[in-house]
Amino acid sequence: MPQTLLELHGDSSSPILHLAPANGFVLQSYAPMYREFAGWRVLSCPPRALWGDGQSPPWGVVNDWEHLADDLLAAWDAYQLGPLVAVGHSFGGIASLLATIHRPQMVRALVLLDPTLLHPNVLTMMADLKAQGLIEQHPLTQGALRRKRDFDSAAAAYERWRGSRLFADWDDEALRLYAQHGTRPKPEGGVTLTWPAEWEAFYFSTGWARTWEDLGRLDGLTPTLIVRGQHSDIFVDDSVERVRALLPNADYAEIAGHGHLFPHSAPRQTAALVNEWLRGLGLPS
């Protein structure tokens, strides 16, 4: 079970909204979005990459994101959190989705923000690489391992990232929080990434192998909202159509003009959309 339950916003008397982050992104960077969830106790049980126990990624032992759901459910049980509203971004959406499929009674409503529902061709490529023992050669895996990890300070990290194409459209407060909390001091001076690159690479090299066989099990289990970034390169058009066919009872929305990281580039717009949908369900209550 995780060592830390992060209390992000609200008070203990409010109903629970659990936030699961994207791979590589610390929870505090979502503050401009989650602060907009008035009337909720927003918290998170972070994935293993953020447990800070020095544990190495289980390369070759864990090959599927099902373990994310196992960890999430163990934490929800340990901290007696359910029933709750589960909000997940990217692979955090998959963790939340799988947890819902396994224990639907724990989830009052599910919100998936640009979930990593990968195209079948991508899943086939990953399966082939795994079969050949070459999954660590996946482009996203290699990119994570090559990324710059060490900086003179959090301020230096912010300046570097502010000029990066990946973060070009981010809300400035979100990026400052990412630099502040996404780095940690090193004993010898300077800072390094809070979310270790090895863990980011490990998560990129795994996935939900049975996505398109299992996804239909979610339909009708709990009210579900799926939000896509208009220019997402992860939750692509063909995948959206496949999801709509498998989950006809879900609600769908799009954040116009934004890509996969819209919770960071359009945090208040994202929160307003989710809040409106939750109010339509009579939540919080």
Protein backbone atom coordinates (compact mmCIF):
# COMPACT_ATOMS: atom_id res chain seq x y z
CA MET A 1 0.00 0.00 0.00
CA PRO A 2 1.29 3.50 -0.73
CA GLN A 3 3.09 5.34 2.02
CA THR A 4 1.24 8.59 1.45
CA LEU A 5 -2.31 9.75 0.97
CA LEU A 6 -2.13 13.21 -0.57
CA GLU A 7 -4.79 15.61 0.64
CA LEU A 8 -4.96 18.11 -2.20
CA HIS A 9 -8.00 20.33 -1.62
CA GLY A 10 -11.13 20.69 0.50
CA ASP A 11 -11.89 19.33 3.95
CA SER A 12 -12.45 15.92 5.46
CA SER A 13 -16.23 16.40 5.78
CA SER A 14 -16.74 16.74 2.01
CA PRO A 15 -17.42 13.86 -0.40
CA ILE A 16 -14.30 12.40 -1.99
CA LEU A 17 -12.96 13.08 -5.47
CA HIS A 18 -9.87 10.99 -6.21
CA LEU A 19 -7.40 12.30 -8.80
CA ALA A 20 -5.00 9.96 -10.64
CA PRO A 21 -2.24 11.71 -12.63
CA ALA A 22 -0.65 11.16 -16.02
CA ASN A 23 2.65 9.33 -16.28
CA GLY A 24 5.48 11.61 -15.15
CA PHE A 25 3.35 14.41 -13.69
CA VAL A 26 3.13 15.18 -9.98
CA LEU A 27 -0.27 15.81 -8.44
CA GLN A 28 0.47 19.38 -7.36
CA SER A 29 0.79 20.45 -10.99
CA TYR A 30 -2.98 19.88 -11.31
CA ALA A 31 -3.76 22.48 -8.61
CA PRO A 32 -5.17 25.14 -10.98
CA MET A 33 -7.73 22.50 -12.02
CA TYR A 34 -8.50 20.73 -8.75
CA ARG A 35 -8.86 23.94 -6.73
CA GLU A 36 -11.98 24.58 -8.80
CA PHE A 37 -13.73 21.52 -7.38
CA ALA A 38 -15.67 23.31 -4.64
CA GLY A 39 -17.56 21.08 -2.23
CA TRP A 40 -15.19 18.15 -2.75
CA ARG A 41 -12.38 16.63 -0.72
CA VAL A 42 -9.81 16.16 -3.49
CA LEU A 43 -7.11 13.61 -2.71
CA SER A 44 -4.85 11.11 -4.41
CA CYS A 45 -3.20 7.77 -3.70
CA PRO A 46 -0.16 8.23 -5.97
CA PRO A 47 1.29 5.48 -8.18
CA ARG A 48 4.44 3.62 -7.17
CA ALA A 49 6.70 6.07 -9.00
CA LEU A 50 5.88 8.63 -6.30
CA TRP A 51 6.12 6.41 -3.22
CA GLY A 52 9.71 7.56 -2.65
CA ASP A 53 10.87 4.24 -1.19
CA GLY A 54 13.74 3.69 -3.59
CA GLN A 55 12.00 0.73 -5.19
CA SER A 56 13.06 0.02 -8.77
CA PRO A 57 10.53 -0.57 -11.56
CA PRO A 58 9.67 -4.29 -11.91
CA TRP A 59 10.96 -4.69 -15.48
CA GLY A 60 9.96 -8.05 -16.93
CA VAL A 61 7.81 -8.94 -13.91
CA VAL A 62 4.85 -6.60 -14.38
CA ASN A 63 3.79 -6.21 -18.00
CA ASP A 64 0.34 -4.67 -17.76
CA TRP A 65 -1.36 -1.69 -16.15
CA GLU A 66 -3.69 -3.97 -14.21
CA HIS A 67 -1.27 -3.54 -11.28
CA LEU A 68 -2.15 0.17 -11.20
CA ALA A 69 -5.75 -0.73 -10.42
CA ASP A 70 -4.66 -3.27 -7.80
CA ASP A 71 -2.62 -0.60 -6.01
CA LEU A 72 -5.44 1.92 -6.27
CA LEU A 73 -8.05 -0.44 -4.84
CA ALA A 74 -5.71 -1.53 -2.03
CA ALA A 75 -5.22 2.12 -1.07
CA TRP A 76 -8.92 2.96 -1.27
CA ASP A 77 -9.62 0.02 1.04
CA ALA A 78 -6.78 0.85 3.42
CA TYR A 79 -7.87 4.46 3.80
CA GLN A 80 -11.60 3.60 3.65
CA LEU A 81 -12.23 6.07 0.85
CA GLY A 82 -15.17 4.67 -1.11
CA PRO A 83 -17.58 5.34 -2.57
CA LEU A 84 -15.91 8.21 -4.43
CA VAL A 85 -15.74 10.06 -7.73
CA ALA A 86 -12.69 8.89 -9.69
CA VAL A 87 -11.00 11.38 -12.01
CA GLY A 88 -8.00 10.20 -14.00
CA HIS A 89 -5.77 11.80 -16.62
CA SER A 90 -4.02 9.77 -19.31
CA PHE A 91 -2.73 6.52 -17.75
CA GLY A 92 -4.29 7.67 -14.47
CA GLY A 93 -7.57 7.40 -16.35
CA ILE A 94 -6.80 3.77 -17.17
CA ALA A 95 -5.97 3.03 -13.53
CA SER A 96 -9.29 4.59 -12.49
CA LEU A 97 -11.20 2.80 -15.26
CA LEU A 98 -9.79 -0.62 -14.36
CA ALA A 99 -10.46 -0.05 -10.67
CA THR A 100 -14.06 0.77 -11.57
CA ILE A 101 -14.42 -2.39 -13.65
CA HIS A 102 -13.04 -4.51 -10.80
CA ARG A 103 -15.00 -2.81 -7.98
CA PRO A 104 -17.85 -0.70 -9.40
CA GLN A 105 -19.44 -0.27 -5.97
CA MET A 106 -16.47 1.92 -4.99
CA VAL A 107 -17.05 4.52 -7.71
CA ARG A 108 -20.01 6.92 -7.75
CA ALA A 109 -18.91 8.45 -11.06
CA LEU A 110 -15.90 8.16 -13.37
CA VAL A 111 -14.21 10.97 -15.31
CA LEU A 112 -11.56 10.08 -17.90
CA LEU A 113 -9.43 12.97 -19.12
CA ASP A 114 -7.80 12.01 -22.45
CA PRO A 115 -7.38 8.39 -21.33
CA THR A 116 -4.57 6.32 -22.79
CA LEU A 117 -6.85 4.10 -24.84
CA LEU A 118 -4.23 3.21 -27.42
CA HIS A 119 -5.03 2.33 -31.02
CA PRO A 120 -4.94 -1.42 -31.78
CA ASN A 121 -1.96 -0.93 -34.09
CA VAL A 122 0.02 0.59 -31.21
CA LEU A 123 -0.94 -2.25 -28.87
CA THR A 124 0.12 -4.79 -31.50
CA MET A 125 3.48 -3.06 -31.88
CA MET A 126 3.99 -3.12 -28.11
CA ALA A 127 3.03 -6.82 -27.93
CA ASP A 128 5.54 -7.63 -30.69
CA LEU A 129 8.31 -5.73 -28.90
CA LYS A 130 7.52 -7.54 -25.64
CA ALA A 131 7.57 -10.93 -27.39
CA GLN A 132 11.03 -10.11 -28.76
CA GLY A 133 12.29 -8.81 -25.41
CA LEU A 134 12.72 -5.36 -26.95
CA ILE A 135 10.00 -3.36 -25.19
CA GLU A 136 12.62 -1.06 -23.64
CA GLN A 137 13.32 0.10 -27.21
CA HIS A 138 9.84 1.61 -27.52
CA PRO A 139 10.24 5.28 -28.62
CA LEU A 140 8.37 6.69 -25.59
CA THR A 141 10.43 4.50 -23.28
CA GLN A 142 13.67 5.68 -24.84
CA GLY A 143 12.49 9.29 -24.73
CA ALA A 144 11.80 9.05 -21.00
CA LEU A 145 15.23 7.54 -20.33
CA ARG A 146 16.94 10.28 -22.34
CA ARG A 147 15.14 13.23 -20.80
CA LYS A 148 17.10 15.71 -18.71
CA ARG A 149 16.81 14.75 -15.06
CA ASP A 150 19.09 17.11 -13.16
CA PHE A 151 18.95 20.90 -12.80
CA ASP A 152 20.69 23.55 -10.75
CA SER A 153 17.37 24.47 -9.11
CA ALA A 154 13.61 24.26 -9.49
CA ALA A 155 13.76 27.75 -11.04
CA ALA A 156 16.23 26.50 -13.65
CA ALA A 157 13.93 23.56 -14.42
CA TYR A 158 11.03 25.98 -14.87
CA GLU A 159 13.02 28.16 -17.27
CA ARG A 160 14.05 25.16 -19.35
CA TRP A 161 10.54 23.73 -19.48
CA ARG A 162 8.96 27.11 -20.19
CA GLY A 163 10.88 27.13 -23.47
CA SER A 164 9.96 23.54 -24.37
CA ARG A 165 7.39 22.72 -27.03
CA LEU A 166 5.75 20.16 -24.69
CA PHE A 167 4.93 22.88 -22.15
CA ALA A 168 4.44 25.79 -24.54
CA ASP A 169 0.70 26.19 -23.91
CA TRP A 170 0.68 25.26 -20.22
CA ASP A 171 -0.96 27.51 -17.66
CA ASP A 172 1.97 29.31 -16.04
CA GLU A 173 0.98 28.43 -12.48
CA ALA A 174 0.68 24.76 -13.43
CA LEU A 175 4.20 24.81 -14.85
CA ARG A 176 5.63 26.60 -11.83
CA LEU A 177 4.04 24.00 -9.56
CA TYR A 178 5.39 21.24 -11.76
CA ALA A 179 8.90 22.68 -11.45
CA GLN A 180 8.51 23.17 -7.69
CA HIS A 181 7.07 19.75 -6.85
CA GLY A 182 8.30 17.78 -9.86
CA THR A 183 11.88 18.22 -8.69
CA ARG A 184 13.50 17.32 -5.37
CA PRO A 185 16.87 18.24 -3.83
CA LYS A 186 19.91 16.04 -4.40
CA PRO A 187 22.38 15.46 -1.53
CA GLU A 188 25.23 16.79 -3.64
CA GLY A 189 23.31 19.93 -4.61
CA GLY A 190 20.86 20.89 -7.30
CA VAL A 191 17.60 19.04 -7.95
CA THR A 192 16.44 15.95 -9.81
CA LEU A 193 13.09 14.66 -11.04
CA THR A 194 10.61 13.64 -8.33
CA TRP A 195 9.07 11.10 -10.72
CA PRO A 196 12.14 9.01 -11.64
CA ALA A 197 12.76 8.65 -15.36
CA GLU A 198 13.12 4.87 -14.95
CA TRP A 199 9.56 4.67 -13.62
CA GLU A 200 8.24 6.90 -16.41
CA ALA A 201 9.97 4.66 -18.96
CA PHE A 202 8.62 1.53 -17.27
CA TYR A 203 5.05 2.80 -17.44
CA PHE A 204 5.48 3.72 -21.11
CA SER A 205 6.74 0.21 -21.83
CA THR A 206 3.68 -1.44 -20.28
CA GLY A 207 0.01 -0.76 -21.02
CA TRP A 208 -3.48 -2.20 -20.92
CA ALA A 209 -2.96 -5.14 -23.25
CA ARG A 210 -6.64 -6.18 -23.44
CA THR A 211 -8.05 -2.69 -23.97
CA TRP A 212 -10.48 -3.45 -26.75
CA GLU A 213 -11.51 -6.86 -25.40
CA ASP A 214 -12.25 -5.56 -21.89
CA LEU A 215 -13.42 -1.97 -22.31
CA GLY A 216 -17.07 -2.85 -22.91
CA ARG A 217 -17.26 -4.21 -19.35
CA LEU A 218 -17.38 -0.61 -18.14
CA ASP A 219 -20.61 0.23 -19.95
CA GLY A 220 -23.45 0.93 -17.53
CA LEU A 221 -21.42 0.27 -14.37
CA THR A 222 -21.36 3.91 -13.21
CA PRO A 223 -21.96 7.35 -14.77
CA THR A 224 -18.94 8.02 -16.98
CA LEU A 225 -17.62 11.15 -18.68
CA ILE A 226 -14.83 10.92 -21.26
CA VAL A 227 -13.13 14.18 -22.20
CA ARG A 228 -10.73 14.45 -25.13
CA GLY A 229 -8.34 17.19 -26.15
CA GLN A 230 -9.23 18.24 -29.68
CA HIS A 231 -5.61 17.90 -30.82
CA SER A 232 -4.71 14.86 -28.73
CA ASP A 233 -2.03 12.61 -30.19
CA ILE A 234 -2.84 9.89 -27.63
CA PHE A 235 -6.63 9.51 -27.67
CA VAL A 236 -6.91 9.71 -31.47
CA ASP A 237 -10.05 9.99 -33.59
CA ASP A 238 -10.24 6.30 -34.48
CA SER A 239 -9.92 5.30 -30.83
CA VAL A 240 -12.68 7.74 -29.88
CA GLU A 241 -15.03 6.11 -32.37
CA ARG A 242 -14.17 2.64 -31.05
CA VAL A 243 -14.83 3.79 -27.49
CA ARG A 244 -18.19 5.32 -28.44
CA ALA A 245 -19.25 2.00 -29.94
CA LEU A 246 -18.21 0.05 -26.85
CA LEU A 247 -19.50 2.59 -24.30
CA PRO A 248 -22.73 4.01 -25.73
CA ASN A 249 -23.98 4.99 -22.27
CA ALA A 250 -21.00 7.23 -21.47
CA ASP A 251 -21.03 11.00 -21.94
CA TYR A 252 -18.43 12.64 -24.17
CA ALA A 253 -16.89 16.10 -24.37
CA GLU A 254 -13.94 17.83 -26.02
CA ILE A 255 -11.62 20.66 -25.00
CA ALA A 256 -11.26 22.66 -28.19
CA GLY A 257 -7.84 23.91 -29.22
CA HIS A 258 -5.90 21.77 -26.76
CA GLY A 259 -3.98 18.51 -26.81
CA HIS A 260 -3.37 15.59 -24.47
CA LEU A 261 -2.24 17.77 -21.56
CA PHE A 262 -5.34 19.98 -21.44
CA PRO A 263 -5.73 19.55 -17.63
CA HIS A 264 -2.53 21.63 -17.47
CA SER A 265 -3.04 23.94 -20.46
CA ALA A 266 -6.75 24.60 -19.83
CA PRO A 267 -7.20 23.70 -16.14
CA ARG A 268 -10.13 25.97 -15.29
CA GLN A 269 -12.01 25.13 -18.47
CA THR A 270 -11.53 21.44 -17.72
CA ALA A 271 -12.77 21.84 -14.14
CA ALA A 272 -15.80 23.85 -15.26
CA LEU A 273 -16.78 21.09 -17.69
CA VAL A 274 -16.37 18.34 -15.08
CA ASN A 275 -18.19 20.36 -12.41
CA GLU A 276 -21.15 20.95 -14.71
CA TRP A 277 -21.38 17.25 -15.51
CA LEU A 278 -21.18 16.27 -11.83
CA ARG A 279 -23.88 18.80 -10.91
CA GLY A 280 -26.05 17.18 -13.58
CA LEU A 281 -25.74 13.95 -11.58
CA GLY A 282 -26.70 15.77 -8.39
CA LEU A 283 -23.11 15.68 -7.09
CA PRO A 284 -21.66 16.56 -4.68
CA SER A 285 -24.35 15.49 -2.27
